Amino acid sequence: MELINWNEKQSIASKMTDTELHYAILDCLKTIQVMGNSQMNGKDQGYYYDELSVYRGEQRKRGVSGTGL
């Protein structure tokens, strides 16, 4: 199972526009929902929850209201 590289994801998130962050969050949420308990390319739900937390953290840091999800 692949573990998230927190520093790399934070670096990517910091370069995203607010709109890109919004859609990255939606992508994570949809992926989590679709994959259920299975793994995909060595990643499980935990990976995408971690990625989601990085993107939401970046939104909070910017003071963006987020997706409402």
C-alpha atoms as a PDB file:
ATOM      1  CA  MET A   1       0.000   0.000   0.000  1.00  0.00           C
ATOM      2  CA  GLU A   2       1.325   3.399  -1.005  1.00  0.00           C
ATOM      3  CA  LEU A   3       1.737   6.087   1.632  1.00  0.00           C
ATOM      4  CA  ILE A   4       1.273   9.744   0.856  1.00  0.00           C
ATOM      5  CA  ASN A   5       4.280  12.014   0.606  1.00  0.00           C
ATOM      6  CA  TRP A   6       2.934  14.880   2.724  1.00  0.00           C
ATOM      7  CA  ASN A   7       5.574  17.425   1.697  1.00  0.00           C
ATOM      8  CA  GLU A   8       5.165  16.701  -2.003  1.00  0.00           C
ATOM      9  CA  LYS A   9       1.357  16.943  -1.844  1.00  0.00           C
ATOM     10  CA  GLN A  10       1.563  20.174   0.149  1.00  0.00           C
ATOM     11  CA  SER A  11       3.924  21.627  -2.449  1.00  0.00           C
ATOM     12  CA  ILE A  12       1.500  20.673  -5.219  1.00  0.00           C
ATOM     13  CA  ALA A  13      -1.491  22.062  -3.304  1.00  0.00           C
ATOM     14  CA  SER A  14       0.250  25.371  -2.625  1.00  0.00           C
ATOM     15  CA  LYS A  15       0.651  25.921  -6.377  1.00  0.00           C
ATOM     16  CA  MET A  16      -2.993  25.170  -7.229  1.00  0.00           C
ATOM     17  CA  THR A  17      -5.552  27.848  -7.860  1.00  0.00           C
ATOM     18  CA  ASP A  18      -8.607  27.939  -5.610  1.00  0.00           C
ATOM     19  CA  THR A  19     -10.629  26.344  -8.419  1.00  0.00           C
ATOM     20  CA  GLU A  20      -8.073  23.566  -8.874  1.00  0.00           C
ATOM     21  CA  LEU A  21      -8.171  22.865  -5.139  1.00  0.00           C
ATOM     22  CA  HIS A  22     -11.951  22.679  -5.257  1.00  0.00           C
ATOM     23  CA  TYR A  23     -11.914  20.084  -8.020  1.00  0.00           C
ATOM     24  CA  ALA A  24      -9.032  18.125  -6.478  1.00  0.00           C
ATOM     25  CA  ILE A  25     -11.135  17.812  -3.325  1.00  0.00           C
ATOM     26  CA  LEU A  26     -14.140  16.640  -5.333  1.00  0.00           C
ATOM     27  CA  ASP A  27     -11.944  14.089  -7.128  1.00  0.00           C
ATOM     28  CA  CYS A  28     -10.712  12.697  -3.803  1.00  0.00           C
ATOM     29  CA  LEU A  29     -14.251  12.452  -2.442  1.00  0.00           C
ATOM     30  CA  LYS A  30     -15.530  10.687  -5.563  1.00  0.00           C
ATOM     31  CA  THR A  31     -12.584   8.289  -5.580  1.00  0.00           C
ATOM     32  CA  ILE A  32     -13.136   7.395  -1.923  1.00  0.00           C
ATOM     33  CA  GLN A  33     -16.802   6.745  -2.602  1.00  0.00           C
ATOM     34  CA  VAL A  34     -16.239   4.622  -5.720  1.00  0.00           C
ATOM     35  CA  MET A  35     -13.394   2.472  -4.482  1.00  0.00           C
ATOM     36  CA  GLY A  36     -14.989   1.376  -1.220  1.00  0.00           C
ATOM     37  CA  ASN A  37     -12.706  -1.021   0.671  1.00  0.00           C
ATOM     38  CA  SER A  38     -10.714  -2.094  -2.375  1.00  0.00           C
ATOM     39  CA  GLN A  39      -7.305  -0.842  -3.460  1.00  0.00           C
ATOM     40  CA  MET A  40      -6.544   0.949  -6.701  1.00  0.00           C
ATOM     41  CA  ASN A  41      -3.001   1.104  -8.066  1.00  0.00           C
ATOM     42  CA  GLY A  42      -1.657   0.307  -4.604  1.00  0.00           C
ATOM     43  CA  LYS A  43      -3.620   3.115  -2.960  1.00  0.00           C
ATOM     44  CA  ASP A  44      -6.512   2.662  -0.545  1.00  0.00           C
ATOM     45  CA  GLN A  45      -9.122   4.999   0.900  1.00  0.00           C
ATOM     46  CA  GLY A  46      -6.657   6.161   3.553  1.00  0.00           C
ATOM     47  CA  TYR A  47      -4.353   7.575   0.890  1.00  0.00           C
ATOM     48  CA  TYR A  48      -7.167   9.654  -0.603  1.00  0.00           C
ATOM     49  CA  TYR A  49      -8.374  10.802   2.825  1.00  0.00           C
ATOM     50  CA  ASP A  50      -4.817  11.983   3.508  1.00  0.00           C
ATOM     51  CA  GLU A  51      -4.666  13.767   0.147  1.00  0.00           C
ATOM     52  CA  LEU A  52      -8.045  15.335   0.874  1.00  0.00           C
ATOM     53  CA  SER A  53      -6.791  16.646   4.213  1.00  0.00           C
ATOM     54  CA  VAL A  54      -3.834  18.333   2.506  1.00  0.00           C
ATOM     55  CA  TYR A  55      -6.111  20.114   0.032  1.00  0.00           C
ATOM     56  CA  ARG A  56      -8.598  21.185   2.700  1.00  0.00           C
ATOM     57  CA  GLY A  57      -5.729  22.392   4.861  1.00  0.00           C
ATOM     58  CA  GLU A  58      -4.514  24.550   1.993  1.00  0.00           C
ATOM     59  CA  GLN A  59      -8.001  25.982   1.595  1.00  0.00           C
ATOM     60  CA  ARG A  60      -8.163  26.827   5.298  1.00  0.00           C
ATOM     61  CA  LYS A  61      -4.733  28.443   5.125  1.00  0.00           C
ATOM     62  CA  ARG A  62      -5.966  30.666   2.283  1.00  0.00           C
ATOM     63  CA  GLY A  63      -9.257  31.414   4.003  1.00  0.00           C
ATOM     64  CA  VAL A  64     -11.237  29.828   1.162  1.00  0.00           C
ATOM     65  CA  SER A  65     -14.714  28.672   2.148  1.00  0.00           C
ATOM     66  CA  GLY A  66     -14.273  25.265   0.500  1.00  0.00           C
ATOM     67  CA  THR A  67     -16.671  22.943  -1.254  1.00  0.00           C
ATOM     68  CA  GLY A  68     -19.300  22.765   1.451  1.00  0.00           C
ATOM     69  CA  LEU A  69     -18.711  19.009   1.653  1.00  0.00           C
END
